Amino acid sequence: MTDKPSRGGRPSGARPQPRPRPKPRKPAQQAAPAEGTPPGERIAKVLSRAGVASRRDAEKMIAEGRVSVNGAIVERAALNVLPSDKVTVDGNPLAEAEAARLWLYHKPAGLVTTTRDEQGRATIFDKLPEDMPRVMSVGRLDLNSEGLLLLTNDGGIKRKLELPSTGWLRKYRVRVNGRPSDNTLAPLREGITVEGQRYQPMQVTLDRQQGANAWLTVGLREGKNREIRRAMTDIGLTVNRLIRVSYGPFQLGQLKEGEVQEIRGKVLRDQLGMEGAKPDRPVPVRRRNPGPKAGPKTGPKPGRN
């Protein structure tokens, strides 16, 4: 007797036939790997670490044809060099990079934080101690601002501390003309826009009223150009004194105007992870140079208050 076909068209009792295995697919052809990054470090970074200039100024020097590598003039800043390469600036061999160092400086009012000033005003670099190496400032304080300014001989430290992502709180003692209340200061705590410029919320505390003036403590993490002065003006207050008292973990403390104090190597290693920081040694406090110096020691700096 013939088996009746079951549902599906197969005779009852018949074993199911194995399905043919799908043919393996060929793997998709992968794109050839991109050309690897050339070994070494960018020439501008090498110049900055050697204390020649800030990275931005080093790029200008390259554009001016002042930098050579192995006897050939460098035509572009997008060039990596190796430790074995011979780099010269204005015909002079590049000095070996120093260990990373950081100083606290109590900037007096009346000095500008630039390499040179077109109006002939004194710069902070005119007043630094004679035995200071070539340094760059971390950010700026404007002409009439005073207090803590960080100085470094290392472009990597400078960039790291200036990045918004570092997020270190900067605190200021601010004297304003007027009688502010908590309501007056509320817009600063919430964030304020002045002439199209958005400022992030500030930490603002009213410390005391002193006659026609009030003393405030202001904390911020951005440090845009003249941020505190512009924000205060927008809410009807006039800043007549501004003193930076801290920058992240670094404090002005009892440092007097014009004095410079080096941060110990252990603090650099702990706070910044600088493995190459200079070993600890006695940290002297250097007093300001009373006379003008022969030449500036740094390049232009971003953002100030």
Protein backbone atom coordinates (compact mmCIF):
# COMPACT_ATOMS: atom_id res chain seq x y z
CA MET A 1 0.00 0.00 0.00
CA THR A 2 1.30 3.36 -0.88
CA ASP A 3 1.88 5.84 1.92
CA LYS A 4 -0.35 8.82 1.82
CA PRO A 5 1.39 12.04 1.59
CA SER A 6 1.24 14.04 4.78
CA ARG A 7 0.85 17.77 5.02
CA GLY A 8 3.78 19.44 3.42
CA GLY A 9 3.91 16.98 0.48
CA ARG A 10 6.08 14.30 2.18
CA PRO A 11 4.88 10.65 2.55
CA SER A 12 4.03 9.77 6.13
CA GLY A 13 6.81 7.90 7.86
CA ALA A 14 9.50 9.21 5.51
CA ARG A 15 12.54 10.83 7.11
CA PRO A 16 12.92 14.54 6.45
CA GLN A 17 15.63 15.30 3.99
CA PRO A 18 18.39 17.54 5.35
CA ARG A 19 18.33 21.01 3.97
CA PRO A 20 21.36 22.02 1.95
CA ARG A 21 23.74 24.19 3.90
CA PRO A 22 24.03 27.73 2.64
CA LYS A 23 27.26 28.48 0.91
CA PRO A 24 29.57 30.49 3.11
CA ARG A 25 29.63 34.11 2.18
CA LYS A 26 32.86 35.66 1.18
CA PRO A 27 34.05 38.13 3.77
CA ALA A 28 33.57 41.72 2.80
CA GLN A 29 36.70 43.19 1.42
CA GLN A 30 38.16 45.55 4.03
CA ALA A 31 39.59 48.88 3.13
CA ALA A 32 43.32 49.14 3.25
CA PRO A 33 44.49 50.63 6.56
CA ALA A 34 45.22 54.30 6.53
CA GLU A 35 48.80 55.36 6.49
CA GLY A 36 50.14 55.47 10.05
CA THR A 37 51.08 58.65 11.84
CA PRO A 38 54.73 59.52 11.22
CA PRO A 39 56.96 58.87 14.23
CA GLY A 40 58.21 61.70 16.38
CA GLU A 41 56.59 64.92 17.58
CA ARG A 42 55.34 68.00 15.80
CA ILE A 43 58.10 70.54 15.31
CA ALA A 44 56.13 73.35 17.01
CA LYS A 45 55.62 71.17 20.07
CA VAL A 46 59.34 70.39 20.23
CA LEU A 47 60.17 74.10 20.04
CA SER A 48 57.67 74.87 22.76
CA ARG A 49 59.03 72.21 25.10
CA ALA A 50 62.55 73.49 24.54
CA GLY A 51 61.40 76.89 25.78
CA VAL A 52 61.87 78.70 22.47
CA ALA A 53 58.32 80.04 22.32
CA SER A 54 54.70 79.06 22.77
CA ARG A 55 53.39 76.63 20.17
CA ARG A 56 51.50 79.41 18.42
CA ASP A 57 54.58 81.61 18.21
CA ALA A 58 56.67 78.62 17.11
CA GLU A 59 54.32 78.15 14.16
CA LYS A 60 54.84 81.80 13.22
CA MET A 61 58.61 81.32 13.38
CA ILE A 62 58.30 78.34 11.06
CA ALA A 63 56.21 80.36 8.62
CA GLU A 64 58.92 83.04 8.66
CA GLY A 65 61.54 80.46 7.63
CA ARG A 66 63.52 80.72 10.86
CA VAL A 67 63.51 76.99 11.68
CA SER A 68 65.60 74.29 10.01
CA VAL A 69 65.73 70.51 10.44
CA ASN A 70 68.86 68.66 9.33
CA GLY A 71 69.96 71.71 7.35
CA ALA A 72 66.69 72.21 5.45
CA ILE A 73 64.36 75.11 6.19
CA VAL A 74 61.00 73.91 7.53
CA GLU A 75 58.18 75.10 5.29
CA ARG A 76 55.18 73.84 7.28
CA ALA A 77 54.32 73.26 10.92
CA ALA A 78 52.80 69.82 10.13
CA LEU A 79 56.16 68.12 10.40
CA ASN A 80 57.22 65.47 12.92
CA VAL A 81 60.81 65.30 14.09
CA LEU A 82 62.77 62.64 15.94
CA PRO A 83 65.23 63.10 18.81
CA SER A 84 68.01 62.30 16.34
CA ASP A 85 67.06 65.21 14.06
CA LYS A 86 69.14 68.38 14.27
CA VAL A 87 66.86 71.37 14.79
CA THR A 88 68.09 74.95 14.60
CA VAL A 89 66.35 78.28 15.17
CA ASP A 90 67.88 81.32 13.50
CA GLY A 91 70.92 79.15 12.86
CA ASN A 92 71.35 78.22 16.53
CA PRO A 93 71.05 74.58 17.68
CA LEU A 94 67.97 73.82 19.72
CA ALA A 95 68.76 73.43 23.41
CA GLU A 96 67.76 70.21 25.14
CA ALA A 97 64.29 70.40 26.64
CA GLU A 98 64.22 71.17 30.36
CA ALA A 99 62.22 69.25 32.92
CA ALA A 100 58.64 70.50 33.29
CA ARG A 101 58.34 73.22 35.92
CA LEU A 102 55.55 75.43 37.29
CA TRP A 103 55.65 78.66 39.31
CA LEU A 104 53.17 80.76 41.27
CA TYR A 105 53.46 84.47 40.55
CA HIS A 106 51.70 87.33 42.34
CA LYS A 107 50.96 89.69 39.48
CA PRO A 108 50.67 93.35 40.49
CA ALA A 109 48.12 95.62 38.84
CA GLY A 110 49.51 97.77 36.04
CA LEU A 111 51.36 95.04 34.12
CA VAL A 112 50.19 93.39 30.90
CA THR A 113 50.49 89.64 30.33
CA THR A 114 51.96 89.68 26.85
CA THR A 115 55.32 89.26 25.19
CA ARG A 116 55.47 92.90 24.20
CA ASP A 117 53.00 95.75 24.28
CA GLU A 118 52.35 98.01 21.29
CA GLN A 119 51.65 100.90 23.67
CA GLY A 120 54.96 100.45 25.46
CA ARG A 121 53.44 99.40 28.78
CA ALA A 122 55.43 97.22 31.17
CA THR A 123 54.82 93.47 30.95
CA ILE A 124 55.04 90.84 33.65
CA PHE A 125 58.12 89.47 31.89
CA ASP A 126 59.91 92.79 32.38
CA LYS A 127 59.53 92.36 36.13
CA LEU A 128 60.36 88.67 36.67
CA PRO A 129 63.55 87.77 38.57
CA GLU A 130 66.68 87.78 36.42
CA ASP A 131 67.41 84.09 37.08
CA MET A 132 64.01 82.89 35.82
CA PRO A 133 64.17 80.69 32.69
CA ARG A 134 62.03 81.39 29.65
CA VAL A 135 58.42 80.91 30.77
CA MET A 136 54.86 81.17 29.48
CA SER A 137 51.82 82.25 31.45
CA VAL A 138 48.83 79.98 31.93
CA GLY A 139 46.02 82.22 30.72
CA ARG A 140 46.03 85.93 31.46
CA LEU A 141 45.16 88.58 33.96
CA ASP A 142 44.40 91.93 32.37
CA LEU A 143 46.19 95.21 33.05
CA ASN A 144 44.18 96.21 36.12
CA SER A 145 43.77 92.71 37.58
CA GLU A 146 46.16 91.26 40.13
CA GLY A 147 46.82 88.10 42.07
CA LEU A 148 47.75 84.53 41.18
CA LEU A 149 49.20 83.82 37.75
CA LEU A 150 50.74 80.45 36.90
CA LEU A 151 53.97 80.38 34.88
CA THR A 152 55.51 77.34 33.21
CA ASN A 153 58.42 76.42 30.96
CA ASP A 154 56.40 73.59 29.38
CA GLY A 155 53.87 74.05 26.60
CA GLY A 156 52.13 70.79 27.52
CA ILE A 157 51.36 72.04 31.04
CA LYS A 158 50.16 75.36 29.66
CA ARG A 159 47.69 73.73 27.25
CA LYS A 160 46.48 71.23 29.83
CA LEU A 161 45.67 73.88 32.42
CA GLU A 162 43.98 76.18 29.90
CA LEU A 163 41.67 73.52 28.43
CA PRO A 164 38.03 73.94 29.50
CA SER A 165 37.91 70.17 30.03
CA THR A 166 40.38 70.53 32.92
CA GLY A 167 37.55 72.29 34.74
CA TRP A 168 39.58 73.73 37.58
CA LEU A 169 37.76 76.35 39.65
CA ARG A 170 39.36 79.79 39.67
CA LYS A 171 38.48 82.03 42.60
CA TYR A 172 38.62 85.81 42.75
CA ARG A 173 38.15 88.47 45.40
CA VAL A 174 36.19 91.20 43.67
CA ARG A 175 35.43 94.71 44.94
CA VAL A 176 32.49 96.39 43.23
CA ASN A 177 30.98 99.83 43.53
CA GLY A 178 27.36 99.45 44.59
CA ARG A 179 25.15 97.67 47.11
CA PRO A 180 24.39 94.26 45.62
CA SER A 181 21.86 91.88 47.13
CA ASP A 182 21.30 88.19 46.51
CA ASN A 183 18.67 89.14 43.95
CA THR A 184 21.18 91.37 42.18
CA LEU A 185 23.68 88.51 41.94
CA ALA A 186 21.15 85.81 40.98
CA PRO A 187 21.68 86.17 37.18
CA LEU A 188 25.38 85.42 37.63
CA ARG A 189 24.60 82.21 39.48
CA GLU A 190 22.21 81.11 36.75
CA GLY A 191 24.42 82.03 33.80
CA ILE A 192 24.23 85.27 31.84
CA THR A 193 24.52 86.43 28.24
CA VAL A 194 26.26 89.75 27.62
CA GLU A 195 26.31 91.21 24.10
CA GLY A 196 25.83 87.76 22.60
CA GLN A 197 28.52 86.16 24.77
CA ARG A 198 27.24 83.38 27.02
CA TYR A 199 28.86 83.00 30.44
CA GLN A 200 28.37 79.85 32.46
CA PRO A 201 26.97 80.00 36.02
CA MET A 202 29.37 81.52 38.54
CA GLN A 203 29.77 80.87 42.23
CA VAL A 204 29.14 84.26 43.85
CA THR A 205 29.19 85.10 47.55
CA LEU A 206 28.56 88.55 49.09
CA ASP A 207 31.24 88.84 51.76
CA ARG A 208 30.71 92.33 53.17
CA GLN A 209 29.55 95.85 52.38
CA GLN A 210 32.23 98.48 52.95
CA GLY A 211 30.83 101.96 52.47
CA ALA A 212 29.96 102.47 48.82
CA ASN A 213 31.76 99.25 47.86
CA ALA A 214 31.06 95.57 48.38
CA TRP A 215 33.49 92.64 48.47
CA LEU A 216 32.49 89.46 46.65
CA THR A 217 34.08 86.04 46.20
CA VAL A 218 33.56 84.77 42.66
CA GLY A 219 34.36 81.31 41.34
CA LEU A 220 34.32 80.30 37.67
CA ARG A 221 35.65 77.52 35.46
CA GLU A 222 35.78 79.19 32.05
CA GLY A 223 37.90 82.30 32.35
CA LYS A 224 36.80 84.06 29.17
CA ASN A 225 38.24 87.46 28.32
CA ARG A 226 37.21 90.02 30.99
CA GLU A 227 34.35 87.73 31.98
CA ILE A 228 33.85 88.96 35.53
CA ARG A 229 34.07 92.66 34.65
CA ARG A 230 31.61 92.38 31.79
CA ALA A 231 29.14 90.27 33.74
CA MET A 232 29.22 92.67 36.71
CA THR A 233 28.68 95.67 34.45
CA ASP A 234 25.65 93.95 32.94
CA ILE A 235 23.95 93.69 36.34
CA GLY A 236 24.76 97.31 37.25
CA LEU A 237 27.99 96.90 39.24
CA THR A 238 31.42 98.34 38.50
CA VAL A 239 34.52 96.34 39.37
CA ASN A 240 37.23 98.54 40.89
CA ARG A 241 39.52 95.78 42.13
CA LEU A 242 39.95 92.15 41.07
CA ILE A 243 42.34 89.70 42.73
CA ARG A 244 42.70 86.07 41.68
CA VAL A 245 43.31 84.05 44.85
CA SER A 246 43.40 80.49 43.49
CA TYR A 247 43.64 78.43 40.32
CA GLY A 248 42.49 74.87 40.97
CA PRO A 249 44.59 73.49 43.84
CA PHE A 250 47.12 76.32 43.64
CA GLN A 251 46.68 79.18 46.13
CA LEU A 252 47.99 82.75 46.23
CA GLY A 253 48.37 82.44 50.00
CA GLN A 254 50.86 84.87 51.52
CA LEU A 255 52.83 85.44 48.33
CA LYS A 256 53.58 89.15 48.08
CA GLU A 257 53.21 91.31 44.97
CA GLY A 258 55.90 90.54 42.42
CA GLU A 259 57.10 87.38 44.17
CA VAL A 260 57.54 84.05 42.39
CA GLN A 261 57.52 80.62 44.01
CA GLU A 262 58.18 77.31 42.28
CA ILE A 263 55.82 74.38 42.76
CA ARG A 264 57.53 71.26 44.05
CA GLY A 265 57.98 68.34 41.72
CA LYS A 266 55.87 66.06 43.92
CA VAL A 267 52.91 68.45 43.63
CA LEU A 268 53.26 68.49 39.85
CA ARG A 269 53.31 64.71 39.76
CA ASP A 270 50.29 64.45 42.07
CA GLN A 271 48.17 67.20 40.52
CA LEU A 272 49.12 66.99 36.86
CA GLY A 273 50.58 63.52 36.46
CA MET A 274 53.85 65.00 35.22
CA GLU A 275 56.24 62.08 35.43
CA GLY A 276 59.07 64.14 34.03
CA ALA A 277 58.70 66.88 36.60
CA LYS A 278 61.84 68.19 38.17
CA PRO A 279 62.84 66.45 41.45
CA ASP A 280 62.02 68.18 44.71
CA ARG A 281 64.42 70.73 46.06
CA PRO A 282 64.21 73.76 48.37
CA VAL A 283 61.76 76.21 46.83
CA PRO A 284 62.95 79.81 47.13
CA VAL A 285 60.66 82.79 46.87
CA ARG A 286 62.01 85.16 44.23
CA ARG A 287 61.26 88.84 44.33
CA ARG A 288 60.39 90.94 41.33
CA ASN A 289 63.00 92.57 39.15
CA PRO A 290 62.76 96.33 39.74
CA GLY A 291 64.01 97.24 36.27
CA PRO A 292 63.00 96.31 32.71
CA LYS A 293 64.40 93.13 31.24
CA ALA A 294 66.27 92.89 27.97
CA GLY A 295 63.63 90.75 26.30
CA PRO A 296 60.28 89.06 26.88
CA LYS A 297 60.06 85.41 27.74
CA THR A 298 56.83 84.15 26.30
CA GLY A 299 54.21 84.31 23.62
CA PRO A 300 50.61 85.54 23.50
CA LYS A 301 48.14 84.03 25.97
CA PRO A 302 44.44 83.24 25.68
CA GLY A 303 41.52 84.32 27.90
CA ARG A 304 41.86 86.64 30.91
CA ASN A 305 39.88 88.45 33.60
